Amino acid sequence: MMIRRKFLAATLGATVALGALPAAASDFDAMEPVTLRLAHVVNEQDGFHVAAEKFRDLVAERTDGKVTVEIFPNATLGDERTLLEGMQIGSVDMGVITNGPVANFVEEMAVFELPFLFPSREAAYQVLDGEIGQELLDRLADVNLKGLAYAERGFRNLTNSQRPVASPADLDGLRIRVMENPVYTDTFRELGANAIPMAWTEALTAMQQGTIDGQENPVGVVHSFKLNETQTYMTMTRHTYAPAVFVMGMPAWNKLPEPAQEVVVQAAREAAAHERAVNAEMEAKQLEELKASGMAVIEDADLSAFQAAVAPVYEKYGARFGDYLDRIRAELN
């Protein structure tokens, strides 16, 4: 039966997951119950939590309750780098992690962080859900991690507490928190900001205390963390599309029998697709609520000037990612 499922899945095409054909209930009769600890760093209103809950429910249903997923939100088990390191050694089983920190473990994954690379969500999905995206998920095995699927953090925008930003010149001297990833750091330095890499949990405190002026994140993050309370202005730069990765530690992955592994992969893919759809539906509503709260939203920034300013980032990093940048561009043209 297992061989037949694999053969049929393969004949359905490369875009169909191995687990698309459900594991039989009898596959789990002899399985000892397992609990997976899934962690993320955001709150229960965030898309990451939506994805985690969907994943938990799908896995429970399809393993006849033999695999239970326990969710730890709000960075209760640590920041994203700490979570990934925990997965490598088995103290954390899995998580939904922003791509930027993941790229610190497999540098080529930072190709997705290049500014203004993807013109739309659909373009990003085309690459992430295709051959290129899967290759990079598979590369995580080299660092004792198992890449399962791409959810999303979404298109990132700039917020700050000091002044409206409509061009790179307006960023001069602003202290902007960025993820602990060199592509983000260099992008905002080229734009003229004082880019300060720091963990998200630290950034929240820094914004409240005024030790940084701003940050960059998708609308959903600005809304769910009520950043309008410390950030007066948001510029709709949409400068980077940030994936998020459903990722598991190899110690946890290797403990699962093959039928459960199939369920986990397919459930992660479906949960990721669900989270993407929820994000798209929520963004417009969240943006209107932020405006109604008094946040000034700049929607007519000179994006061509922003794109021109970050050209040196491509010169510096383009070759560092092997042929991935060229392949992505070819895929999108």
Protein backbone atom coordinates (compact mmCIF):
# COMPACT_ATOMS: atom_id res chain seq x y z
CA MET A 1 0.00 0.00 0.00
CA MET A 2 2.79 2.44 0.87
CA ILE A 3 4.53 1.83 -2.48
CA ARG A 4 1.25 2.28 -4.32
CA ARG A 5 0.58 5.65 -2.62
CA LYS A 6 4.07 6.88 -3.51
CA PHE A 7 3.69 5.77 -7.13
CA LEU A 8 0.29 7.40 -7.52
CA ALA A 9 1.47 10.62 -5.90
CA ALA A 10 4.41 10.79 -8.31
CA THR A 11 2.16 10.30 -11.33
CA LEU A 12 -0.02 13.24 -10.28
CA GLY A 13 2.82 15.67 -10.92
CA ALA A 14 5.59 17.44 -9.07
CA THR A 15 3.24 19.93 -7.42
CA VAL A 16 1.28 17.21 -5.62
CA ALA A 17 2.58 16.34 -2.18
CA LEU A 18 3.51 12.78 -1.34
CA GLY A 19 0.99 12.92 1.47
CA ALA A 20 -1.82 14.10 -0.83
CA LEU A 21 -3.13 10.55 -0.76
CA PRO A 22 -4.26 10.10 2.84
CA ALA A 23 -2.52 7.57 5.02
CA ALA A 24 -4.83 4.72 5.89
CA ALA A 25 -6.20 4.65 9.43
CA SER A 26 -4.62 1.22 9.88
CA ASP A 27 -1.18 2.79 9.39
CA PHE A 28 -1.47 4.26 12.88
CA ASP A 29 -2.89 1.28 14.77
CA ALA A 30 0.44 0.25 16.25
CA MET A 31 1.86 3.74 16.61
CA GLU A 32 2.71 5.02 20.07
CA PRO A 33 1.16 8.46 20.71
CA VAL A 34 3.48 11.40 20.05
CA THR A 35 3.24 15.04 21.12
CA LEU A 36 4.97 17.65 18.99
CA ARG A 37 5.87 21.02 20.53
CA LEU A 38 5.29 23.70 17.88
CA ALA A 39 6.51 27.19 18.76
CA HIS A 40 6.36 30.64 17.23
CA VAL A 41 7.16 34.15 18.44
CA VAL A 42 3.96 36.05 17.69
CA ASN A 43 0.58 36.31 19.39
CA GLU A 44 -2.64 34.37 18.94
CA GLN A 45 -4.11 36.94 16.54
CA ASP A 46 -1.24 36.53 14.07
CA GLY A 47 -1.28 34.49 10.87
CA PHE A 48 1.43 32.20 12.25
CA HIS A 49 -0.96 31.08 14.97
CA VAL A 50 -3.71 30.56 12.40
CA ALA A 51 -1.33 28.29 10.50
CA ALA A 52 -0.29 26.44 13.65
CA GLU A 53 -3.89 25.76 14.69
CA LYS A 54 -4.83 24.51 11.23
CA PHE A 55 -1.80 22.23 11.20
CA ARG A 56 -2.61 20.89 14.68
CA ASP A 57 -6.18 20.04 13.67
CA LEU A 58 -5.24 18.38 10.38
CA VAL A 59 -2.55 16.23 12.00
CA ALA A 60 -4.84 15.09 14.81
CA GLU A 61 -7.57 14.15 12.35
CA ARG A 62 -5.35 12.31 9.90
CA THR A 63 -3.34 10.34 12.45
CA ASP A 64 -6.45 9.26 14.33
CA GLY A 65 -5.25 11.27 17.32
CA LYS A 66 -1.87 9.52 17.56
CA VAL A 67 0.04 12.77 16.87
CA THR A 68 -0.86 15.71 19.10
CA VAL A 69 0.49 19.18 18.40
CA GLU A 70 0.95 21.51 21.36
CA ILE A 71 1.34 25.17 20.36
CA PHE A 72 3.60 27.62 22.20
CA PRO A 73 2.99 31.22 20.97
CA ASN A 74 4.40 34.56 22.10
CA ALA A 75 8.07 33.48 22.13
CA THR A 76 7.44 31.47 25.29
CA LEU A 77 10.17 29.04 24.18
CA GLY A 78 12.54 31.71 22.87
CA ASP A 79 13.18 33.95 19.88
CA GLU A 80 13.30 32.52 16.38
CA ARG A 81 17.01 31.75 16.32
CA THR A 82 16.71 30.07 19.72
CA LEU A 83 13.79 27.99 18.43
CA LEU A 84 15.75 26.83 15.40
CA GLU A 85 18.73 25.89 17.55
CA GLY A 86 16.35 24.03 19.86
CA MET A 87 14.97 22.08 16.91
CA GLN A 88 18.47 21.02 15.92
CA ILE A 89 19.12 19.45 19.31
CA GLY A 90 15.59 18.23 20.00
CA SER A 91 14.49 20.56 22.80
CA VAL A 92 11.87 22.07 20.45
CA ASP A 93 10.14 19.91 17.86
CA MET A 94 8.97 22.37 15.22
CA GLY A 95 7.81 25.89 14.49
CA VAL A 96 6.56 28.49 12.06
CA ILE A 97 9.60 30.72 11.58
CA THR A 98 10.18 33.85 9.51
CA ASN A 99 12.45 33.14 6.56
CA GLY A 100 15.07 35.71 7.60
CA PRO A 101 16.28 33.81 10.68
CA VAL A 102 16.07 30.51 8.78
CA ALA A 103 18.46 31.96 6.20
CA ASN A 104 21.09 32.28 8.92
CA PHE A 105 21.28 28.48 8.81
CA VAL A 106 21.08 28.03 5.01
CA GLU A 107 22.37 31.24 3.43
CA GLU A 108 20.83 30.62 0.01
CA MET A 109 17.34 30.95 1.50
CA ALA A 110 18.07 34.67 1.94
CA VAL A 111 17.67 35.04 -1.83
CA PHE A 112 13.95 35.46 -1.10
CA GLU A 113 14.75 38.46 1.10
CA LEU A 114 16.22 40.54 -1.73
CA PRO A 115 14.29 43.80 -1.98
CA PHE A 116 11.64 44.21 -4.67
CA LEU A 117 12.30 40.68 -5.99
CA PHE A 118 8.67 39.56 -6.19
CA PRO A 119 6.10 41.87 -7.82
CA SER A 120 3.11 40.06 -6.30
CA ARG A 121 2.06 37.32 -3.91
CA GLU A 122 1.24 35.10 -6.87
CA ALA A 123 4.77 35.47 -8.25
CA ALA A 124 6.21 34.51 -4.87
CA TYR A 125 3.96 31.45 -4.61
CA GLN A 126 5.01 30.34 -8.11
CA VAL A 127 8.66 30.19 -7.02
CA LEU A 128 8.23 28.97 -3.45
CA ASP A 129 5.86 26.15 -4.35
CA GLY A 130 7.93 25.03 -7.30
CA GLU A 131 11.28 23.38 -7.84
CA ILE A 132 13.37 26.23 -6.45
CA GLY A 133 11.43 26.46 -3.20
CA GLN A 134 11.54 22.72 -2.63
CA GLU A 135 15.28 22.55 -3.27
CA LEU A 136 15.88 25.12 -0.58
CA LEU A 137 13.58 23.37 1.89
CA ASP A 138 15.56 20.20 1.26
CA ARG A 139 18.83 22.04 1.96
CA LEU A 140 17.75 22.47 5.59
CA ALA A 141 18.54 18.79 6.13
CA ASP A 142 22.23 19.76 5.95
CA VAL A 143 21.80 21.64 9.26
CA ASN A 144 19.66 19.01 10.99
CA LEU A 145 16.35 20.67 10.13
CA LYS A 146 13.43 19.44 8.02
CA GLY A 147 11.76 22.04 5.80
CA LEU A 148 8.07 21.24 5.38
CA ALA A 149 6.31 24.13 3.63
CA TYR A 150 6.21 27.87 3.05
CA ALA A 151 3.63 29.93 4.86
CA GLU A 152 4.09 33.68 4.70
CA ARG A 153 4.94 36.73 6.72
CA GLY A 154 3.94 38.75 3.67
CA PHE A 155 5.01 41.98 2.01
CA ARG A 156 6.90 44.15 4.46
CA ASN A 157 6.31 47.86 4.97
CA LEU A 158 8.12 50.53 6.93
CA THR A 159 6.82 52.19 10.12
CA ASN A 160 8.37 54.90 12.27
CA SER A 161 7.58 57.32 15.06
CA GLN A 162 9.34 60.42 13.73
CA ARG A 163 8.14 61.61 10.31
CA PRO A 164 6.44 60.62 7.06
CA VAL A 165 8.74 58.68 4.75
CA ALA A 166 8.03 59.08 1.04
CA SER A 167 11.56 58.70 -0.37
CA PRO A 168 14.91 57.25 0.76
CA ALA A 169 16.05 60.74 1.76
CA ASP A 170 13.37 60.76 4.46
CA LEU A 171 15.02 57.76 6.10
CA ASP A 172 18.28 59.54 6.76
CA GLY A 173 19.38 58.83 10.32
CA LEU A 174 16.25 56.98 11.42
CA ARG A 175 17.01 54.03 13.71
CA ILE A 176 15.17 51.12 12.08
CA ARG A 177 15.01 47.64 13.57
CA VAL A 178 15.60 44.88 11.03
CA MET A 179 15.71 41.12 11.33
CA GLU A 180 19.03 39.53 12.21
CA ASN A 181 19.85 38.90 8.57
CA PRO A 182 22.55 40.74 6.58
CA VAL A 183 20.36 41.29 3.50
CA TYR A 184 17.90 43.32 5.56
CA THR A 185 20.67 45.19 7.32
CA ASP A 186 22.38 46.17 4.08
CA THR A 187 19.08 47.04 2.38
CA PHE A 188 18.18 49.63 4.99
CA ARG A 189 21.69 50.99 5.23
CA GLU A 190 21.63 51.60 1.48
CA LEU A 191 18.31 53.41 1.98
CA GLY A 192 20.01 55.73 4.44
CA ALA A 193 18.65 54.39 7.71
CA ASN A 194 20.61 53.36 10.77
CA ALA A 195 19.71 49.67 10.49
CA ILE A 196 19.74 47.88 13.83
CA PRO A 197 19.45 44.07 13.78
CA MET A 198 17.62 42.67 16.80
CA ALA A 199 15.20 39.95 17.84
CA TRP A 200 11.51 40.82 17.61
CA THR A 201 10.93 40.49 21.33
CA GLU A 202 13.64 43.08 21.96
CA ALA A 203 12.30 45.36 19.24
CA LEU A 204 8.90 45.65 20.91
CA THR A 205 10.52 46.97 24.08
CA ALA A 206 12.87 49.24 22.13
CA MET A 207 9.95 50.88 20.32
CA GLN A 208 8.11 51.46 23.59
CA GLN A 209 11.22 53.01 25.14
CA GLY A 210 12.06 55.08 22.06
CA THR A 211 15.52 53.59 21.64
CA ILE A 212 14.63 52.80 18.02
CA ASP A 213 12.49 54.90 15.70
CA GLY A 214 10.90 52.26 13.57
CA GLN A 215 10.76 48.80 12.07
CA GLU A 216 9.56 47.01 8.95
CA ASN A 217 6.94 44.29 8.83
CA PRO A 218 3.72 43.33 7.04
CA VAL A 219 0.42 45.03 7.86
CA GLY A 220 -0.71 42.00 9.86
CA VAL A 221 2.18 42.33 12.30
CA VAL A 222 1.68 46.08 12.69
CA HIS A 223 -1.99 45.44 13.45
CA SER A 224 -1.74 42.41 15.74
CA PHE A 225 1.01 43.96 17.86
CA LYS A 226 -0.73 47.38 17.94
CA LEU A 227 2.38 49.10 16.67
CA ASN A 228 0.24 52.15 15.93
CA GLU A 229 0.55 52.90 19.64
CA THR A 230 4.28 53.63 19.23
CA GLN A 231 4.59 54.12 15.47
CA THR A 232 2.87 57.18 13.98
CA TYR A 233 3.66 56.58 10.30
CA MET A 234 3.55 53.60 7.93
CA THR A 235 4.90 53.72 4.38
CA MET A 236 3.54 51.08 2.00
CA THR A 237 6.91 50.23 0.49
CA ARG A 238 6.16 46.51 0.04
CA HIS A 239 9.93 46.30 -0.23
CA THR A 240 10.31 42.59 0.52
CA TYR A 241 8.06 39.57 0.33
CA ALA A 242 8.95 37.49 3.37
CA PRO A 243 8.07 33.80 3.42
CA ALA A 244 7.76 31.88 6.64
CA VAL A 245 8.82 28.27 6.98
CA PHE A 246 7.07 25.36 8.62
CA VAL A 247 10.20 23.66 9.91
CA MET A 248 10.88 20.66 12.14
CA GLY A 249 13.99 19.46 13.85
CA MET A 250 15.46 16.27 12.44
CA PRO A 251 15.44 14.64 15.91
CA ALA A 252 11.64 15.00 15.99
CA TRP A 253 11.20 14.11 12.31
CA ASN A 254 13.22 10.91 12.59
CA LYS A 255 11.11 9.69 15.51
CA LEU A 256 7.97 9.67 13.38
CA PRO A 257 7.02 6.58 11.37
CA GLU A 258 6.75 7.14 7.63
CA PRO A 259 2.93 7.41 7.49
CA ALA A 260 3.06 10.15 10.14
CA GLN A 261 5.83 11.94 8.24
CA GLU A 262 3.61 11.98 5.15
CA VAL A 263 0.73 13.43 7.15
CA VAL A 264 2.96 16.10 8.69
CA VAL A 265 4.27 17.29 5.31
CA GLN A 266 0.85 17.46 3.69
CA ALA A 267 -0.76 19.09 6.73
CA ALA A 268 1.99 21.74 6.78
CA ARG A 269 1.40 22.52 3.12
CA GLU A 270 -2.34 22.82 3.58
CA ALA A 271 -1.98 24.90 6.74
CA ALA A 272 0.46 27.19 4.93
CA ALA A 273 -1.97 27.68 2.04
CA HIS A 274 -4.74 28.42 4.55
CA GLU A 275 -2.62 31.02 6.32
CA ARG A 276 -1.77 32.73 3.03
CA ALA A 277 -5.47 33.04 2.18
CA VAL A 278 -6.29 34.41 5.63
CA ASN A 279 -3.49 36.97 5.35
CA ALA A 280 -4.77 38.22 2.00
CA GLU A 281 -8.32 38.57 3.32
CA MET A 282 -7.28 40.33 6.50
CA GLU A 283 -4.78 42.85 5.18
CA ALA A 284 -7.22 45.38 3.70
CA LYS A 285 -9.40 45.34 6.82
CA GLN A 286 -6.40 45.70 9.12
CA LEU A 287 -5.04 48.62 7.11
CA GLU A 288 -8.35 50.47 7.41
CA GLU A 289 -8.42 49.86 11.16
CA LEU A 290 -4.89 51.22 11.52
CA LYS A 291 -5.89 54.35 9.60
CA ALA A 292 -8.98 54.75 11.76
CA SER A 293 -6.77 54.56 14.87
CA GLY A 294 -4.89 57.64 13.67
CA MET A 295 -1.90 56.04 12.00
CA ALA A 296 -0.76 58.04 8.98
CA VAL A 297 -0.35 55.69 6.00
CA ILE A 298 1.79 56.88 3.08
CA GLU A 299 0.58 55.05 -0.04
CA ASP A 300 2.24 57.19 -2.72
CA ALA A 301 5.93 56.82 -1.84
CA ASP A 302 8.49 57.09 -4.64
CA LEU A 303 9.09 53.36 -4.97
CA SER A 304 11.28 53.77 -8.04
CA ALA A 305 13.70 55.77 -5.89
CA PHE A 306 13.69 53.02 -3.26
CA GLN A 307 14.39 50.39 -5.91
CA ALA A 308 17.26 52.40 -7.37
CA ALA A 309 18.80 52.91 -3.94
CA VAL A 310 19.01 49.19 -3.19
CA ALA A 311 20.79 48.25 -6.43
CA PRO A 312 24.08 47.74 -4.51
CA VAL A 313 22.39 44.99 -2.49
CA TYR A 314 21.97 42.95 -5.67
CA GLU A 315 25.58 43.63 -6.65
CA LYS A 316 26.77 42.39 -3.27
CA TYR A 317 24.54 39.35 -2.82
CA GLY A 318 23.47 38.24 -6.28
CA ALA A 319 26.38 35.83 -6.80
CA ARG A 320 26.41 34.75 -3.16
CA PHE A 321 23.24 32.72 -3.67
CA GLY A 322 24.68 30.58 -6.45
CA ASP A 323 22.35 30.46 -9.45
CA TYR A 324 19.15 30.92 -7.44
CA LEU A 325 18.66 34.61 -8.26
CA ASP A 326 19.08 33.98 -11.99
CA ARG A 327 16.70 31.02 -11.81
CA ILE A 328 14.07 33.03 -9.94
CA ARG A 329 14.27 35.83 -12.48
CA ALA A 330 13.99 33.35 -15.33
CA GLU A 331 10.98 31.72 -13.65
CA LEU A 332 9.20 35.07 -13.33
CA ASN A 333 9.93 36.32 -16.86
